[in-house]
């Protein structure tokens, strides 16, 4: 049996996890009588998925060359996510003078899910390649 490519495995897991959480998220909003697709929620899930992939794929591809810098690269990826938050989402969220719970959740939920998946997969790289 051939082993699944870790990049393909990561992409499948992150897309599946974000897809399931997205469906749960909009179901909770709908059941609460709130707008399902407000607060840039779709863009937030898509951007977090793309950023997770753009962070993990280079880490995996260069794992042998940069094995002692993987942690720094991972932390740099988190900085990149916050940069995207402040450039893409924050202006819209603060346009009314405050950032509400629904706006916060629209970004933070997919951010947290993608961060968990990234952390698990990056830890596997570190466990295997750092001795």
C-alpha atoms as a PDB file:
ATOM      1  CA  UNK A   1       0.000   0.000   0.000  1.00  0.00           C
ATOM      2  CA  UNK A   2       1.416   3.368  -0.934  1.00  0.00           C
ATOM      3  CA  UNK A   3       1.666   6.083   1.669  1.00  0.00           C
ATOM      4  CA  UNK A   4      -0.389   9.210   1.080  1.00  0.00           C
ATOM      5  CA  UNK A   5       1.669  12.305   0.316  1.00  0.00           C
ATOM      6  CA  UNK A   6       1.715  14.437   3.522  1.00  0.00           C
ATOM      7  CA  UNK A   7       0.873  17.596   1.568  1.00  0.00           C
ATOM      8  CA  UNK A   8      -2.203  15.951   0.047  1.00  0.00           C
ATOM      9  CA  UNK A   9      -3.100  14.529   3.458  1.00  0.00           C
ATOM     10  CA  UNK A  10      -2.752  17.979   5.065  1.00  0.00           C
ATOM     11  CA  UNK A  11      -4.877  19.638   2.382  1.00  0.00           C
ATOM     12  CA  UNK A  12      -7.571  16.981   2.727  1.00  0.00           C
ATOM     13  CA  UNK A  13      -7.667  17.296   6.516  1.00  0.00           C
ATOM     14  CA  UNK A  14      -7.668  21.104   6.623  1.00  0.00           C
ATOM     15  CA  UNK A  15     -10.342  21.413   3.898  1.00  0.00           C
ATOM     16  CA  UNK A  16     -12.491  18.721   5.542  1.00  0.00           C
ATOM     17  CA  UNK A  17     -12.111  20.203   9.050  1.00  0.00           C
ATOM     18  CA  UNK A  18     -12.855  23.750   7.903  1.00  0.00           C
ATOM     19  CA  UNK A  19     -15.776  22.516   5.785  1.00  0.00           C
ATOM     20  CA  UNK A  20     -17.383  20.679   8.689  1.00  0.00           C
ATOM     21  CA  UNK A  21     -16.819  23.567  11.106  1.00  0.00           C
ATOM     22  CA  UNK A  22     -18.174  26.022   8.517  1.00  0.00           C
ATOM     23  CA  UNK A  23     -21.385  24.005   8.205  1.00  0.00           C
ATOM     24  CA  UNK A  24     -21.712  23.834  11.997  1.00  0.00           C
ATOM     25  CA  UNK A  25     -20.944  27.560  12.292  1.00  0.00           C
ATOM     26  CA  UNK A  26     -23.576  28.676   9.777  1.00  0.00           C
ATOM     27  CA  UNK A  27     -26.097  26.206  11.218  1.00  0.00           C
ATOM     28  CA  UNK A  28     -25.652  27.726  14.664  1.00  0.00           C
ATOM     29  CA  UNK A  29     -26.094  31.206  13.190  1.00  0.00           C
ATOM     30  CA  UNK A  30     -29.222  30.161  11.269  1.00  0.00           C
ATOM     31  CA  UNK A  31     -30.742  28.390  14.289  1.00  0.00           C
ATOM     32  CA  UNK A  32     -30.125  31.522  16.354  1.00  0.00           C
ATOM     33  CA  UNK A  33     -31.974  33.652  13.810  1.00  0.00           C
ATOM     34  CA  UNK A  34     -28.777  35.429  12.735  1.00  0.00           C
ATOM     35  CA  UNK A  35     -27.583  36.043   9.186  1.00  0.00           C
ATOM     36  CA  UNK A  36     -25.550  33.026   8.036  1.00  0.00           C
ATOM     37  CA  UNK A  37     -23.203  34.727   5.596  1.00  0.00           C
ATOM     38  CA  UNK A  38     -22.520  38.015   7.330  1.00  0.00           C
ATOM     39  CA  UNK A  39     -19.224  39.342   8.730  1.00  0.00           C
ATOM     40  CA  UNK A  40     -17.110  38.115   5.796  1.00  0.00           C
ATOM     41  CA  UNK A  41     -17.491  34.565   7.098  1.00  0.00           C
ATOM     42  CA  UNK A  42     -16.978  32.825   3.734  1.00  0.00           C
ATOM     43  CA  UNK A  43     -13.894  34.926   2.947  1.00  0.00           C
ATOM     44  CA  UNK A  44     -12.541  34.179   6.402  1.00  0.00           C
ATOM     45  CA  UNK A  45     -12.797  30.409   5.971  1.00  0.00           C
ATOM     46  CA  UNK A  46     -11.283  30.558   2.481  1.00  0.00           C
ATOM     47  CA  UNK A  47      -8.421  32.873   3.502  1.00  0.00           C
ATOM     48  CA  UNK A  48      -7.585  30.798   6.592  1.00  0.00           C
ATOM     49  CA  UNK A  49      -7.540  27.622   4.488  1.00  0.00           C
ATOM     50  CA  UNK A  50      -5.283  29.190   1.854  1.00  0.00           C
ATOM     51  CA  UNK A  51      -2.960  30.645   4.478  1.00  0.00           C
ATOM     52  CA  UNK A  52      -2.715  27.313   6.296  1.00  0.00           C
ATOM     53  CA  UNK A  53      -1.727  25.641   3.022  1.00  0.00           C
ATOM     54  CA  UNK A  54       0.722  28.402   2.116  1.00  0.00           C
ATOM     55  CA  UNK A  55       2.393  27.996   5.503  1.00  0.00           C
ATOM     56  CA  UNK A  56       2.469  24.197   5.753  1.00  0.00           C
ATOM     57  CA  UNK A  57       3.499  23.357   2.183  1.00  0.00           C
ATOM     58  CA  UNK A  58       6.818  25.291   2.280  1.00  0.00           C
ATOM     59  CA  UNK A  59       7.540  23.936   5.763  1.00  0.00           C
ATOM     60  CA  UNK A  60       7.091  20.406   4.459  1.00  0.00           C
ATOM     61  CA  UNK A  61       8.944  20.965   1.189  1.00  0.00           C
ATOM     62  CA  UNK A  62      12.007  22.462   2.878  1.00  0.00           C
ATOM     63  CA  UNK A  63      11.889  20.364   6.056  1.00  0.00           C
ATOM     64  CA  UNK A  64      15.350  18.896   5.523  1.00  0.00           C
ATOM     65  CA  UNK A  65      17.078  22.153   4.592  1.00  0.00           C
ATOM     66  CA  UNK A  66      15.523  24.224   7.371  1.00  0.00           C
ATOM     67  CA  UNK A  67      14.938  21.590  10.004  1.00  0.00           C
ATOM     68  CA  UNK A  68      16.295  23.821  12.768  1.00  0.00           C
ATOM     69  CA  UNK A  69      14.208  26.814  11.675  1.00  0.00           C
ATOM     70  CA  UNK A  70      10.833  25.107  11.253  1.00  0.00           C
ATOM     71  CA  UNK A  71       9.516  26.576  14.503  1.00  0.00           C
ATOM     72  CA  UNK A  72      10.469  30.092  13.450  1.00  0.00           C
ATOM     73  CA  UNK A  73       8.870  29.602  10.045  1.00  0.00           C
ATOM     74  CA  UNK A  74       5.718  28.328  11.752  1.00  0.00           C
ATOM     75  CA  UNK A  75       5.620  31.395  14.023  1.00  0.00           C
ATOM     76  CA  UNK A  76       6.193  33.616  10.988  1.00  0.00           C
ATOM     77  CA  UNK A  77       3.137  31.998   9.439  1.00  0.00           C
ATOM     78  CA  UNK A  78       1.078  33.012  12.455  1.00  0.00           C
ATOM     79  CA  UNK A  79       2.320  36.563  12.007  1.00  0.00           C
ATOM     80  CA  UNK A  80       1.254  36.378   8.357  1.00  0.00           C
ATOM     81  CA  UNK A  81      -2.245  35.319   9.423  1.00  0.00           C
ATOM     82  CA  UNK A  82      -2.536  38.275  11.795  1.00  0.00           C
ATOM     83  CA  UNK A  83      -1.309  40.589   9.047  1.00  0.00           C
ATOM     84  CA  UNK A  84      -4.058  39.314   6.757  1.00  0.00           C
ATOM     85  CA  UNK A  85      -6.584  39.760   9.563  1.00  0.00           C
ATOM     86  CA  UNK A  86      -5.598  43.397  10.084  1.00  0.00           C
ATOM     87  CA  UNK A  87      -5.487  44.149   6.352  1.00  0.00           C
ATOM     88  CA  UNK A  88      -8.576  42.275   5.130  1.00  0.00           C
ATOM     89  CA  UNK A  89     -10.974  41.875   8.028  1.00  0.00           C
ATOM     90  CA  UNK A  90     -10.281  44.374  10.795  1.00  0.00           C
ATOM     91  CA  UNK A  91     -11.256  47.510   8.808  1.00  0.00           C
ATOM     92  CA  UNK A  92     -14.648  45.996   7.986  1.00  0.00           C
ATOM     93  CA  UNK A  93     -15.177  44.697  11.511  1.00  0.00           C
ATOM     94  CA  UNK A  94     -14.283  48.038  13.108  1.00  0.00           C
ATOM     95  CA  UNK A  95     -16.250  50.154  10.607  1.00  0.00           C
ATOM     96  CA  UNK A  96     -19.050  50.611  13.148  1.00  0.00           C
ATOM     97  CA  UNK A  97     -16.606  51.493  15.924  1.00  0.00           C
ATOM     98  CA  UNK A  98     -16.496  48.104  17.632  1.00  0.00           C
ATOM     99  CA  UNK A  99     -15.844  44.477  16.829  1.00  0.00           C
ATOM    100  CA  UNK A 100     -18.718  42.289  17.969  1.00  0.00           C
ATOM    101  CA  UNK A 101     -18.740  38.658  19.035  1.00  0.00           C
ATOM    102  CA  UNK A 102     -20.096  37.456  15.690  1.00  0.00           C
ATOM    103  CA  UNK A 103     -17.374  39.310  13.789  1.00  0.00           C
ATOM    104  CA  UNK A 104     -14.730  37.925  16.122  1.00  0.00           C
ATOM    105  CA  UNK A 105     -16.080  34.383  15.740  1.00  0.00           C
ATOM    106  CA  UNK A 106     -16.248  34.711  11.942  1.00  0.00           C
ATOM    107  CA  UNK A 107     -12.474  35.076  11.879  1.00  0.00           C
ATOM    108  CA  UNK A 108     -11.316  33.305  15.015  1.00  0.00           C
ATOM    109  CA  UNK A 109     -13.152  29.991  14.530  1.00  0.00           C
ATOM    110  CA  UNK A 110     -11.540  29.150  11.158  1.00  0.00           C
ATOM    111  CA  UNK A 111      -8.233  30.600  12.404  1.00  0.00           C
ATOM    112  CA  UNK A 112      -8.257  28.274  15.425  1.00  0.00           C
ATOM    113  CA  UNK A 113      -9.243  25.202  13.394  1.00  0.00           C
ATOM    114  CA  UNK A 114      -6.578  25.773  10.747  1.00  0.00           C
ATOM    115  CA  UNK A 115      -3.984  26.517  13.436  1.00  0.00           C
ATOM    116  CA  UNK A 116      -4.755  23.216  15.178  1.00  0.00           C
ATOM    117  CA  UNK A 117      -4.378  21.247  11.941  1.00  0.00           C
ATOM    118  CA  UNK A 118      -1.149  23.104  11.074  1.00  0.00           C
ATOM    119  CA  UNK A 119       0.242  22.465  14.548  1.00  0.00           C
ATOM    120  CA  UNK A 120      -0.505  18.737  14.430  1.00  0.00           C
ATOM    121  CA  UNK A 121       1.071  18.292  10.996  1.00  0.00           C
ATOM    122  CA  UNK A 122       4.090  20.481  11.791  1.00  0.00           C
ATOM    123  CA  UNK A 123       4.641  18.561  15.031  1.00  0.00           C
ATOM    124  CA  UNK A 124       4.696  15.348  13.002  1.00  0.00           C
ATOM    125  CA  UNK A 125       7.421  16.844  10.804  1.00  0.00           C
ATOM    126  CA  UNK A 126       9.424  17.894  13.831  1.00  0.00           C
ATOM    127  CA  UNK A 127       9.009  14.502  15.475  1.00  0.00           C
ATOM    128  CA  UNK A 128      10.200  12.687  12.380  1.00  0.00           C
ATOM    129  CA  UNK A 129      12.970  14.973  11.130  1.00  0.00           C
ATOM    130  CA  UNK A 130      14.477  16.541  14.254  1.00  0.00           C
ATOM    131  CA  UNK A 131      16.618  14.159  16.268  1.00  0.00           C
END
